[in-house]
């Protein structure tokens, strides 16, 4: 991951996410969502992994992102905000009324690092709650949980079990020791 994003740049990213969703409601597809100050241009044009999460009245309403740094931070926030609002297949598309009660989170990811482990309990000993986001892979199946998911799934067994289910694997697949596992951390910005 490149340099840390400043608090002001994080607030700008939150405004960009909100503006991009609002423009979809207004059917105004002008992509000049927000003006990037010259002092932030370099960092916001860096390629980064980024997720945008939407919470309506405290409940998850959409979460879409890219783990790998395939787009600039600026483009990734715009695209992922719109996809989280209108194309997360786990939820109905966001309505304007819901949007008015929605808080946005932007998570900037570090590059994932492969985790070597021998068995499930070894895996548990290496994953840090509230710090690590986790990616699991097996054959063509994969899933990730951002570090914020630890807020709801507070212990390793539940966290890893639900992650396995999200990937379409058995609940206890993590115990066997044959998953590809990577971890990453995030710099999180949340609307108040």
N, C-alpha and C. Protein backbone atom coordinates (compact mmCIF):
# COMPACT_ATOMS: atom_id res chain seq x y z
N UNK A 1 0.85 -1.17 0.00
CA UNK A 1 0.00 0.00 0.00
C UNK A 1 0.89 1.23 0.00
N UNK A 2 0.42 2.28 -0.66
CA UNK A 2 1.16 3.52 -0.70
C UNK A 2 1.05 4.25 0.62
N UNK A 3 1.18 5.57 0.53
CA UNK A 3 1.10 6.40 1.73
C UNK A 3 -0.28 6.30 2.37
N UNK A 4 -0.32 6.60 3.67
CA UNK A 4 -1.61 6.68 4.35
C UNK A 4 -2.41 7.84 3.79
N UNK A 5 -3.70 7.66 3.80
CA UNK A 5 -4.63 8.70 3.37
C UNK A 5 -4.88 9.61 4.58
N UNK A 6 -4.84 10.91 4.36
CA UNK A 6 -5.09 11.84 5.46
C UNK A 6 -6.58 11.85 5.80
N UNK A 7 -6.90 12.40 6.95
CA UNK A 7 -8.30 12.50 7.36
C UNK A 7 -9.10 13.33 6.35
N UNK A 8 -8.51 14.43 5.87
CA UNK A 8 -9.19 15.26 4.88
C UNK A 8 -9.42 14.50 3.57
N UNK A 9 -8.43 13.73 3.15
CA UNK A 9 -8.59 12.93 1.93
C UNK A 9 -9.64 11.84 2.13
N UNK A 10 -9.69 11.27 3.32
CA UNK A 10 -10.72 10.28 3.64
C UNK A 10 -12.10 10.89 3.58
N UNK A 11 -12.24 12.11 4.12
CA UNK A 11 -13.53 12.81 4.05
C UNK A 11 -13.90 13.11 2.60
N UNK A 12 -12.90 13.45 1.78
CA UNK A 12 -13.15 13.68 0.36
C UNK A 12 -13.64 12.40 -0.31
N UNK A 13 -13.03 11.27 0.01
CA UNK A 13 -13.48 9.99 -0.57
C UNK A 13 -14.91 9.67 -0.17
N UNK A 14 -15.28 9.96 1.07
CA UNK A 14 -16.67 9.74 1.50
C UNK A 14 -17.62 10.64 0.72
N UNK A 15 -17.22 11.89 0.48
CA UNK A 15 -18.06 12.80 -0.32
C UNK A 15 -18.18 12.31 -1.76
N UNK A 16 -17.07 11.81 -2.32
CA UNK A 16 -17.09 11.27 -3.68
C UNK A 16 -18.06 10.10 -3.77
N UNK A 17 -18.01 9.20 -2.77
CA UNK A 17 -18.92 8.04 -2.75
C UNK A 17 -20.37 8.51 -2.68
N UNK A 18 -20.66 9.43 -1.78
CA UNK A 18 -22.03 9.92 -1.62
C UNK A 18 -22.49 10.64 -2.89
N UNK A 19 -21.64 11.49 -3.45
CA UNK A 19 -22.00 12.22 -4.68
C UNK A 19 -22.28 11.27 -5.84
N UNK A 20 -21.49 10.21 -5.96
CA UNK A 20 -21.68 9.29 -7.09
C UNK A 20 -23.02 8.55 -6.99
N UNK A 21 -23.43 8.20 -5.77
CA UNK A 21 -24.75 7.56 -5.59
C UNK A 21 -25.86 8.57 -5.86
N UNK A 22 -25.71 9.77 -5.33
CA UNK A 22 -26.72 10.81 -5.53
C UNK A 22 -26.92 11.10 -7.01
N UNK A 23 -25.83 11.16 -7.77
CA UNK A 23 -25.94 11.43 -9.20
C UNK A 23 -26.70 10.32 -9.92
N UNK A 24 -26.60 9.10 -9.43
CA UNK A 24 -27.39 8.00 -10.02
C UNK A 24 -28.87 8.23 -9.79
N UNK A 25 -29.23 8.69 -8.61
CA UNK A 25 -30.64 8.99 -8.34
C UNK A 25 -31.13 10.14 -9.22
N UNK A 26 -30.25 11.10 -9.44
CA UNK A 26 -30.62 12.26 -10.24
C UNK A 26 -30.53 11.98 -11.73
N UNK A 27 -30.04 10.79 -12.09
CA UNK A 27 -29.84 10.40 -13.49
C UNK A 27 -28.92 11.37 -14.22
N UNK A 28 -28.01 11.94 -13.47
CA UNK A 28 -27.01 12.83 -14.05
C UNK A 28 -25.70 12.06 -14.04
N UNK A 29 -25.28 11.62 -15.18
CA UNK A 29 -24.12 10.73 -15.25
C UNK A 29 -22.83 11.48 -15.52
N UNK A 30 -22.77 12.73 -15.13
CA UNK A 30 -21.54 13.48 -15.24
C UNK A 30 -20.54 12.88 -14.25
N UNK A 31 -19.43 12.36 -14.78
CA UNK A 31 -18.46 11.66 -13.92
C UNK A 31 -17.59 12.62 -13.10
N UNK A 32 -17.70 13.92 -13.29
CA UNK A 32 -16.91 14.85 -12.49
C UNK A 32 -17.60 15.02 -11.15
N UNK A 33 -17.54 13.97 -10.36
CA UNK A 33 -18.29 13.90 -9.11
C UNK A 33 -17.82 14.96 -8.11
N UNK A 34 -16.56 15.00 -7.84
CA UNK A 34 -16.01 15.96 -6.89
C UNK A 34 -14.69 16.47 -7.45
N UNK A 35 -14.36 17.66 -7.11
CA UNK A 35 -13.09 18.23 -7.53
C UNK A 35 -12.00 17.72 -6.59
N UNK A 36 -10.93 17.19 -7.16
CA UNK A 36 -9.81 16.72 -6.35
C UNK A 36 -8.83 17.87 -6.17
N UNK A 37 -8.55 18.25 -4.93
CA UNK A 37 -7.54 19.30 -4.72
C UNK A 37 -6.18 18.83 -5.23
N UNK A 38 -5.39 19.76 -5.75
CA UNK A 38 -4.07 19.41 -6.29
C UNK A 38 -3.21 18.68 -5.26
N UNK A 39 -3.35 19.03 -3.99
CA UNK A 39 -2.53 18.40 -2.95
C UNK A 39 -2.88 16.94 -2.74
N UNK A 40 -4.08 16.50 -3.17
CA UNK A 40 -4.50 15.11 -2.99
C UNK A 40 -4.49 14.32 -4.30
N UNK A 41 -4.24 14.99 -5.41
CA UNK A 41 -4.35 14.35 -6.72
C UNK A 41 -3.49 13.08 -6.83
N UNK A 42 -2.21 13.17 -6.46
CA UNK A 42 -1.31 12.02 -6.63
C UNK A 42 -1.80 10.81 -5.85
N UNK A 43 -2.16 11.00 -4.60
CA UNK A 43 -2.55 9.86 -3.77
C UNK A 43 -3.89 9.27 -4.22
N UNK A 44 -4.83 10.10 -4.65
CA UNK A 44 -6.14 9.58 -5.07
C UNK A 44 -6.10 8.97 -6.47
N UNK A 45 -5.02 9.22 -7.20
CA UNK A 45 -4.88 8.60 -8.51
C UNK A 45 -4.05 7.31 -8.44
N UNK A 46 -3.52 6.98 -7.26
CA UNK A 46 -2.80 5.72 -7.08
C UNK A 46 -3.76 4.55 -7.21
N UNK A 47 -3.28 3.44 -7.76
CA UNK A 47 -4.08 2.22 -7.81
C UNK A 47 -4.09 1.59 -6.43
N UNK A 48 -5.29 1.32 -5.91
CA UNK A 48 -5.45 0.74 -4.57
C UNK A 48 -6.63 -0.22 -4.57
N UNK A 49 -6.58 -1.20 -3.70
CA UNK A 49 -7.76 -2.00 -3.40
C UNK A 49 -8.66 -1.16 -2.51
N UNK A 50 -9.96 -1.16 -2.79
CA UNK A 50 -10.87 -0.31 -2.02
C UNK A 50 -12.27 -0.93 -2.00
N UNK A 51 -12.91 -0.85 -0.84
CA UNK A 51 -14.30 -1.29 -0.67
C UNK A 51 -15.14 -0.11 -0.22
N UNK A 52 -16.39 -0.09 -0.67
CA UNK A 52 -17.37 0.87 -0.17
C UNK A 52 -18.50 0.08 0.46
N UNK A 53 -18.82 0.39 1.72
CA UNK A 53 -19.89 -0.28 2.45
C UNK A 53 -20.96 0.74 2.79
N UNK A 54 -22.22 0.31 2.69
CA UNK A 54 -23.36 1.16 3.01
C UNK A 54 -24.12 0.55 4.17
N UNK A 55 -24.48 1.37 5.15
CA UNK A 55 -25.25 0.92 6.31
C UNK A 55 -26.48 1.82 6.44
N UNK A 56 -27.65 1.21 6.35
CA UNK A 56 -28.91 1.94 6.49
C UNK A 56 -29.51 1.60 7.85
N UNK A 57 -29.68 2.62 8.66
CA UNK A 57 -30.19 2.45 10.04
C UNK A 57 -29.40 1.37 10.78
N UNK A 58 -28.09 1.36 10.59
CA UNK A 58 -27.21 0.44 11.28
C UNK A 58 -27.05 -0.93 10.66
N UNK A 59 -27.82 -1.25 9.63
CA UNK A 59 -27.75 -2.56 8.98
C UNK A 59 -27.02 -2.47 7.65
N UNK A 60 -26.21 -3.48 7.36
CA UNK A 60 -25.50 -3.51 6.08
C UNK A 60 -26.52 -3.48 4.95
N UNK A 61 -26.30 -2.60 3.98
CA UNK A 61 -27.20 -2.47 2.84
C UNK A 61 -26.47 -2.70 1.52
N UNK A 62 -25.15 -2.79 1.55
CA UNK A 62 -24.36 -3.05 0.36
C UNK A 62 -22.90 -2.95 0.69
N UNK A 63 -22.09 -3.78 0.05
CA UNK A 63 -20.64 -3.74 0.24
C UNK A 63 -20.00 -4.35 -0.99
N UNK A 64 -19.31 -3.52 -1.75
CA UNK A 64 -18.66 -3.97 -2.97
C UNK A 64 -17.26 -3.36 -3.00
N UNK A 65 -16.31 -4.14 -3.51
CA UNK A 65 -14.97 -3.60 -3.63
C UNK A 65 -14.07 -4.45 -4.48
N UNK A 66 -12.85 -3.99 -4.55
CA UNK A 66 -11.80 -4.72 -5.26
C UNK A 66 -10.64 -4.92 -4.29
N UNK A 67 -10.19 -6.14 -4.20
CA UNK A 67 -9.08 -6.46 -3.31
C UNK A 67 -7.77 -6.01 -3.92
N UNK A 68 -7.61 -6.29 -5.19
CA UNK A 68 -6.37 -5.94 -5.88
C UNK A 68 -6.43 -4.49 -6.36
N UNK A 69 -5.28 -3.84 -6.47
CA UNK A 69 -5.24 -2.44 -6.91
C UNK A 69 -5.36 -2.31 -8.43
N UNK A 70 -6.59 -2.49 -8.95
CA UNK A 70 -6.78 -2.48 -10.40
C UNK A 70 -7.28 -1.14 -10.93
N UNK A 71 -7.70 -0.24 -10.06
CA UNK A 71 -8.17 1.09 -10.47
C UNK A 71 -7.58 2.12 -9.52
N UNK A 72 -7.65 3.37 -9.96
CA UNK A 72 -7.24 4.43 -9.04
C UNK A 72 -8.22 4.47 -7.88
N UNK A 73 -7.76 4.98 -6.78
CA UNK A 73 -8.60 5.11 -5.59
C UNK A 73 -9.85 5.93 -5.93
N UNK A 74 -9.69 6.99 -6.67
CA UNK A 74 -10.79 7.85 -7.09
C UNK A 74 -11.82 7.06 -7.90
N UNK A 75 -11.37 6.36 -8.94
CA UNK A 75 -12.29 5.57 -9.78
C UNK A 75 -12.93 4.43 -8.99
N UNK A 76 -12.12 3.77 -8.16
CA UNK A 76 -12.63 2.64 -7.38
C UNK A 76 -13.74 3.05 -6.44
N UNK A 77 -13.59 4.20 -5.78
CA UNK A 77 -14.63 4.67 -4.86
C UNK A 77 -15.92 4.97 -5.64
N UNK A 78 -15.81 5.65 -6.77
CA UNK A 78 -17.00 5.97 -7.57
C UNK A 78 -17.71 4.68 -8.00
N UNK A 79 -16.97 3.76 -8.62
CA UNK A 79 -17.57 2.52 -9.14
C UNK A 79 -18.14 1.66 -8.02
N UNK A 80 -17.38 1.49 -6.95
CA UNK A 80 -17.82 0.60 -5.88
C UNK A 80 -18.99 1.19 -5.10
N UNK A 81 -19.05 2.50 -4.97
CA UNK A 81 -20.20 3.13 -4.29
C UNK A 81 -21.47 2.85 -5.08
N UNK A 82 -21.42 3.04 -6.39
CA UNK A 82 -22.61 2.79 -7.22
C UNK A 82 -22.99 1.32 -7.20
N UNK A 83 -21.99 0.44 -7.28
CA UNK A 83 -22.29 -1.00 -7.26
C UNK A 83 -22.84 -1.44 -5.90
N UNK A 84 -22.29 -0.90 -4.82
CA UNK A 84 -22.81 -1.25 -3.48
C UNK A 84 -24.25 -0.80 -3.33
N UNK A 85 -24.58 0.35 -3.89
CA UNK A 85 -25.94 0.90 -3.75
C UNK A 85 -26.95 0.18 -4.62
N UNK A 86 -26.55 -0.23 -5.81
CA UNK A 86 -27.54 -0.69 -6.78
C UNK A 86 -27.32 -2.11 -7.33
N UNK A 87 -26.15 -2.71 -7.06
CA UNK A 87 -25.86 -4.00 -7.70
C UNK A 87 -25.31 -5.07 -6.76
N UNK A 88 -25.38 -4.87 -5.45
CA UNK A 88 -24.99 -5.93 -4.52
C UNK A 88 -26.17 -6.91 -4.49
N UNK A 89 -25.97 -8.10 -5.05
CA UNK A 89 -27.06 -9.06 -5.24
C UNK A 89 -27.66 -9.59 -3.94
N UNK A 90 -27.02 -9.32 -2.81
CA UNK A 90 -27.56 -9.76 -1.53
C UNK A 90 -28.70 -8.86 -1.05
N UNK A 91 -28.84 -7.68 -1.68
CA UNK A 91 -29.80 -6.69 -1.22
C UNK A 91 -30.59 -6.12 -2.40
N UNK A 92 -31.79 -5.61 -2.09
CA UNK A 92 -32.52 -4.85 -3.09
C UNK A 92 -31.77 -3.55 -3.34
N UNK A 93 -31.89 -2.98 -4.55
CA UNK A 93 -31.23 -1.70 -4.80
C UNK A 93 -31.66 -0.64 -3.78
N UNK A 94 -30.75 0.21 -3.44
CA UNK A 94 -31.00 1.29 -2.49
C UNK A 94 -32.05 2.23 -3.04
N UNK A 95 -33.01 2.60 -2.20
CA UNK A 95 -34.00 3.61 -2.60
C UNK A 95 -33.51 4.98 -2.12
N UNK A 96 -34.09 6.03 -2.67
CA UNK A 96 -33.69 7.37 -2.26
C UNK A 96 -34.00 7.60 -0.78
N UNK A 97 -35.14 7.08 -0.32
CA UNK A 97 -35.50 7.24 1.10
C UNK A 97 -34.48 6.54 1.99
N UNK A 98 -34.03 5.35 1.59
CA UNK A 98 -32.99 4.66 2.36
C UNK A 98 -31.68 5.44 2.31
N UNK A 99 -31.37 5.98 1.16
CA UNK A 99 -30.13 6.73 0.98
C UNK A 99 -30.03 7.87 1.99
N UNK A 100 -31.15 8.50 2.29
CA UNK A 100 -31.15 9.61 3.25
C UNK A 100 -30.76 9.15 4.65
N UNK A 101 -30.95 7.85 4.95
CA UNK A 101 -30.60 7.27 6.26
C UNK A 101 -29.37 6.38 6.19
N UNK A 102 -28.58 6.52 5.15
CA UNK A 102 -27.45 5.63 4.92
C UNK A 102 -26.13 6.30 5.28
N UNK A 103 -25.30 5.57 6.01
CA UNK A 103 -23.93 5.98 6.32
C UNK A 103 -22.98 5.19 5.43
N UNK A 104 -21.93 5.84 4.97
CA UNK A 104 -20.99 5.24 4.04
C UNK A 104 -19.66 5.01 4.74
N UNK A 105 -19.03 3.87 4.40
CA UNK A 105 -17.66 3.56 4.83
C UNK A 105 -16.82 3.34 3.59
N UNK A 106 -15.59 3.83 3.63
CA UNK A 106 -14.61 3.56 2.58
C UNK A 106 -13.42 2.89 3.26
N UNK A 107 -13.05 1.72 2.74
CA UNK A 107 -11.93 0.96 3.28
C UNK A 107 -10.83 0.89 2.22
N UNK A 108 -9.65 1.40 2.56
CA UNK A 108 -8.50 1.35 1.67
C UNK A 108 -7.65 0.17 2.13
N UNK A 109 -7.40 -0.78 1.21
CA UNK A 109 -6.73 -2.02 1.57
C UNK A 109 -5.23 -1.99 1.34
N UNK A 110 -4.49 -2.68 2.21
CA UNK A 110 -3.10 -2.99 1.92
C UNK A 110 -3.10 -4.16 0.93
N UNK A 111 -1.95 -4.43 0.31
CA UNK A 111 -1.86 -5.59 -0.58
C UNK A 111 -1.96 -6.86 0.26
N UNK A 112 -2.77 -7.82 -0.16
CA UNK A 112 -2.91 -9.06 0.60
C UNK A 112 -1.58 -9.83 0.67
N UNK A 113 -1.38 -10.47 1.81
CA UNK A 113 -0.19 -11.30 2.01
C UNK A 113 -0.63 -12.72 2.33
N UNK A 114 -0.01 -13.68 1.63
CA UNK A 114 -0.36 -15.09 1.83
C UNK A 114 0.03 -15.52 3.24
N UNK A 115 -0.84 -16.30 3.86
CA UNK A 115 -0.61 -16.79 5.22
C UNK A 115 -0.32 -18.28 5.13
N UNK A 116 0.81 -18.71 5.62
CA UNK A 116 1.16 -20.13 5.66
C UNK A 116 0.71 -20.70 7.00
N UNK A 117 0.00 -21.81 6.97
CA UNK A 117 -0.45 -22.44 8.21
C UNK A 117 -0.57 -23.95 7.99
N UNK A 118 -0.58 -24.69 9.09
CA UNK A 118 -0.60 -26.15 9.01
C UNK A 118 -1.99 -26.73 9.25
N UNK A 119 -2.76 -26.13 10.14
CA UNK A 119 -4.08 -26.64 10.50
C UNK A 119 -4.92 -25.48 11.04
N UNK A 120 -6.18 -25.75 11.30
CA UNK A 120 -7.10 -24.70 11.72
C UNK A 120 -6.66 -23.92 12.94
N UNK A 121 -6.14 -24.60 13.93
CA UNK A 121 -5.76 -23.90 15.16
C UNK A 121 -4.52 -23.06 14.94
N UNK A 122 -3.65 -23.48 14.03
CA UNK A 122 -2.50 -22.67 13.64
C UNK A 122 -2.99 -21.40 12.92
N UNK A 123 -3.99 -21.56 12.07
CA UNK A 123 -4.58 -20.42 11.37
C UNK A 123 -5.14 -19.41 12.37
N UNK A 124 -5.89 -19.90 13.34
CA UNK A 124 -6.47 -19.03 14.37
C UNK A 124 -5.39 -18.25 15.10
N UNK A 125 -4.27 -18.90 15.38
CA UNK A 125 -3.21 -18.23 16.15
C UNK A 125 -2.56 -17.09 15.37
N UNK A 126 -2.71 -17.08 14.04
CA UNK A 126 -2.05 -16.06 13.23
C UNK A 126 -2.95 -14.90 12.81
N UNK A 127 -4.26 -15.08 12.88
CA UNK A 127 -5.18 -14.03 12.46
C UNK A 127 -5.51 -13.12 13.63
N UNK A 128 -5.41 -11.82 13.40
CA UNK A 128 -5.60 -10.82 14.46
C UNK A 128 -6.98 -10.19 14.35
N UNK A 129 -7.87 -10.46 15.33
CA UNK A 129 -9.19 -9.84 15.32
C UNK A 129 -9.09 -8.32 15.29
N UNK A 130 -10.03 -7.70 14.59
CA UNK A 130 -10.15 -6.24 14.47
C UNK A 130 -9.01 -5.59 13.69
N UNK A 131 -8.04 -6.37 13.25
CA UNK A 131 -6.91 -5.83 12.47
C UNK A 131 -6.88 -6.43 11.07
N UNK A 132 -7.02 -7.75 11.00
CA UNK A 132 -6.87 -8.44 9.71
C UNK A 132 -8.19 -8.65 9.00
N UNK A 133 -8.21 -8.28 7.72
CA UNK A 133 -9.21 -8.77 6.80
C UNK A 133 -8.69 -10.10 6.28
N UNK A 134 -9.59 -11.01 5.93
CA UNK A 134 -9.17 -12.36 5.55
C UNK A 134 -9.80 -12.74 4.22
N UNK A 135 -8.98 -13.32 3.36
CA UNK A 135 -9.44 -13.88 2.08
C UNK A 135 -9.20 -15.37 2.15
N UNK A 136 -10.21 -16.17 1.78
CA UNK A 136 -10.01 -17.61 1.67
C UNK A 136 -10.29 -18.02 0.24
N UNK A 137 -9.57 -19.07 -0.20
CA UNK A 137 -9.75 -19.61 -1.55
C UNK A 137 -9.64 -21.13 -1.49
N UNK A 138 -10.51 -21.76 -2.26
CA UNK A 138 -10.40 -23.20 -2.47
C UNK A 138 -11.01 -23.50 -3.83
N UNK A 139 -10.19 -24.07 -4.71
CA UNK A 139 -10.60 -24.31 -6.08
C UNK A 139 -11.11 -23.01 -6.69
N UNK A 140 -12.33 -22.99 -7.19
CA UNK A 140 -12.85 -21.76 -7.82
C UNK A 140 -13.63 -20.89 -6.83
N UNK A 141 -13.67 -21.27 -5.58
CA UNK A 141 -14.45 -20.52 -4.59
C UNK A 141 -13.54 -19.61 -3.77
N UNK A 142 -14.07 -18.42 -3.47
CA UNK A 142 -13.31 -17.50 -2.63
C UNK A 142 -14.28 -16.52 -1.96
N UNK A 143 -13.81 -15.91 -0.89
CA UNK A 143 -14.59 -14.90 -0.18
C UNK A 143 -13.65 -14.10 0.70
N UNK A 144 -14.11 -12.93 1.09
CA UNK A 144 -13.34 -12.10 2.01
C UNK A 144 -14.27 -11.45 3.02
N UNK A 145 -13.74 -11.18 4.18
CA UNK A 145 -14.37 -10.34 5.19
C UNK A 145 -13.40 -9.22 5.50
N UNK A 146 -13.88 -7.99 5.49
CA UNK A 146 -13.09 -6.85 5.93
C UNK A 146 -12.86 -6.93 7.44
N UNK A 147 -11.84 -6.26 7.97
CA UNK A 147 -11.61 -6.30 9.41
C UNK A 147 -12.80 -5.83 10.24
N UNK A 148 -13.65 -4.95 9.68
CA UNK A 148 -14.82 -4.45 10.41
C UNK A 148 -15.80 -5.56 10.76
N UNK A 149 -15.76 -6.69 10.03
CA UNK A 149 -16.70 -7.79 10.28
C UNK A 149 -16.46 -8.39 11.66
N UNK A 150 -15.25 -8.21 12.20
CA UNK A 150 -14.98 -8.69 13.56
C UNK A 150 -15.93 -8.06 14.58
N UNK A 151 -16.49 -6.88 14.26
CA UNK A 151 -17.44 -6.23 15.19
C UNK A 151 -18.67 -7.11 15.43
N UNK A 152 -19.11 -7.84 14.39
CA UNK A 152 -20.28 -8.70 14.52
C UNK A 152 -19.91 -10.14 14.85
N UNK A 153 -18.81 -10.62 14.27
CA UNK A 153 -18.39 -12.02 14.46
C UNK A 153 -17.13 -12.00 15.31
N UNK A 154 -17.31 -12.00 16.60
CA UNK A 154 -16.25 -11.64 17.53
C UNK A 154 -15.22 -12.72 17.82
N UNK A 155 -15.48 -13.97 17.48
CA UNK A 155 -14.45 -14.98 17.75
C UNK A 155 -14.00 -15.64 16.45
N UNK A 156 -12.80 -16.19 16.49
CA UNK A 156 -12.18 -16.77 15.30
C UNK A 156 -13.05 -17.84 14.64
N UNK A 157 -13.61 -18.75 15.46
CA UNK A 157 -14.37 -19.87 14.90
C UNK A 157 -15.59 -19.38 14.13
N UNK A 158 -16.31 -18.43 14.68
CA UNK A 158 -17.50 -17.89 14.01
C UNK A 158 -17.10 -17.11 12.76
N UNK A 159 -16.08 -16.29 12.88
CA UNK A 159 -15.60 -15.47 11.76
C UNK A 159 -15.20 -16.38 10.59
N UNK A 160 -14.36 -17.36 10.86
CA UNK A 160 -13.89 -18.24 9.79
C UNK A 160 -15.00 -19.14 9.26
N UNK A 161 -15.89 -19.61 10.13
CA UNK A 161 -17.00 -20.43 9.69
C UNK A 161 -17.93 -19.68 8.75
N UNK A 162 -18.27 -18.44 9.12
CA UNK A 162 -19.14 -17.63 8.26
C UNK A 162 -18.45 -17.25 6.95
N UNK A 163 -17.15 -17.06 7.00
CA UNK A 163 -16.40 -16.77 5.78
C UNK A 163 -16.42 -17.97 4.84
N UNK A 164 -16.29 -19.16 5.40
CA UNK A 164 -16.39 -20.38 4.59
C UNK A 164 -17.77 -20.48 3.95
N UNK A 165 -18.82 -20.23 4.72
CA UNK A 165 -20.18 -20.27 4.17
C UNK A 165 -20.34 -19.23 3.06
N UNK A 166 -19.79 -18.04 3.25
CA UNK A 166 -19.87 -16.99 2.22
C UNK A 166 -19.23 -17.47 0.92
N UNK A 167 -18.17 -18.27 1.02
CA UNK A 167 -17.49 -18.80 -0.16
C UNK A 167 -18.19 -20.03 -0.74
N UNK A 168 -19.27 -20.47 -0.08
CA UNK A 168 -19.98 -21.66 -0.56
C UNK A 168 -19.32 -22.95 -0.13
N UNK A 169 -18.57 -22.90 0.95
CA UNK A 169 -17.87 -24.07 1.49
C UNK A 169 -18.54 -24.49 2.80
N UNK A 170 -18.27 -25.72 3.25
CA UNK A 170 -18.81 -26.14 4.55
C UNK A 170 -18.31 -25.23 5.68
N UNK A 171 -19.13 -25.08 6.70
CA UNK A 171 -18.86 -24.21 7.84
C UNK A 171 -17.50 -24.48 8.49
N UNK A 172 -17.10 -25.74 8.56
CA UNK A 172 -15.85 -26.09 9.26
C UNK A 172 -14.68 -26.35 8.31
N UNK A 173 -14.78 -25.90 7.08
CA UNK A 173 -13.71 -26.12 6.10
C UNK A 173 -12.37 -25.54 6.57
N UNK A 174 -12.41 -24.46 7.32
CA UNK A 174 -11.19 -23.81 7.79
C UNK A 174 -10.38 -24.71 8.72
N UNK A 175 -11.03 -25.67 9.38
CA UNK A 175 -10.34 -26.54 10.33
C UNK A 175 -9.42 -27.55 9.65
N UNK A 176 -9.73 -27.85 8.39
CA UNK A 176 -9.02 -28.92 7.69
C UNK A 176 -7.60 -28.51 7.29
N UNK A 177 -7.39 -27.23 6.98
CA UNK A 177 -6.04 -26.77 6.68
C UNK A 177 -5.71 -26.74 5.21
N UNK A 178 -6.70 -26.84 4.33
CA UNK A 178 -6.39 -26.87 2.90
C UNK A 178 -6.92 -25.66 2.13
N UNK A 179 -7.14 -24.56 2.81
CA UNK A 179 -7.58 -23.34 2.16
C UNK A 179 -6.38 -22.46 1.83
N UNK A 180 -6.48 -21.73 0.73
CA UNK A 180 -5.53 -20.65 0.51
C UNK A 180 -6.01 -19.47 1.34
N UNK A 181 -5.16 -18.91 2.16
CA UNK A 181 -5.56 -17.81 3.04
C UNK A 181 -4.59 -16.65 2.87
N UNK A 182 -5.14 -15.46 2.74
CA UNK A 182 -4.36 -14.23 2.72
C UNK A 182 -4.99 -13.25 3.69
N UNK A 183 -4.18 -12.35 4.20
CA UNK A 183 -4.69 -11.30 5.10
C UNK A 183 -4.28 -9.93 4.57
N UNK A 184 -5.03 -8.93 4.98
CA UNK A 184 -4.74 -7.54 4.64
C UNK A 184 -5.28 -6.68 5.76
N UNK A 185 -4.89 -5.42 5.76
CA UNK A 185 -5.41 -4.47 6.72
C UNK A 185 -6.07 -3.33 5.94
N UNK A 186 -6.84 -2.51 6.63
CA UNK A 186 -7.51 -1.38 5.96
C UNK A 186 -7.29 -0.10 6.73
N UNK A 187 -7.35 0.99 5.97
CA UNK A 187 -7.50 2.30 6.56
C UNK A 187 -8.95 2.66 6.33
N UNK A 188 -9.69 2.84 7.41
CA UNK A 188 -11.14 2.97 7.36
C UNK A 188 -11.56 4.43 7.57
N UNK A 189 -12.50 4.87 6.71
CA UNK A 189 -13.12 6.18 6.86
C UNK A 189 -14.63 5.96 6.91
N UNK A 190 -15.28 6.57 7.90
CA UNK A 190 -16.73 6.37 8.09
C UNK A 190 -17.40 7.72 8.23
N UNK A 191 -18.60 7.82 7.65
CA UNK A 191 -19.40 9.01 7.89
C UNK A 191 -19.91 8.97 9.32
N UNK A 192 -20.08 10.14 9.92
CA UNK A 192 -20.56 10.20 11.30
C UNK A 192 -22.06 10.33 11.33
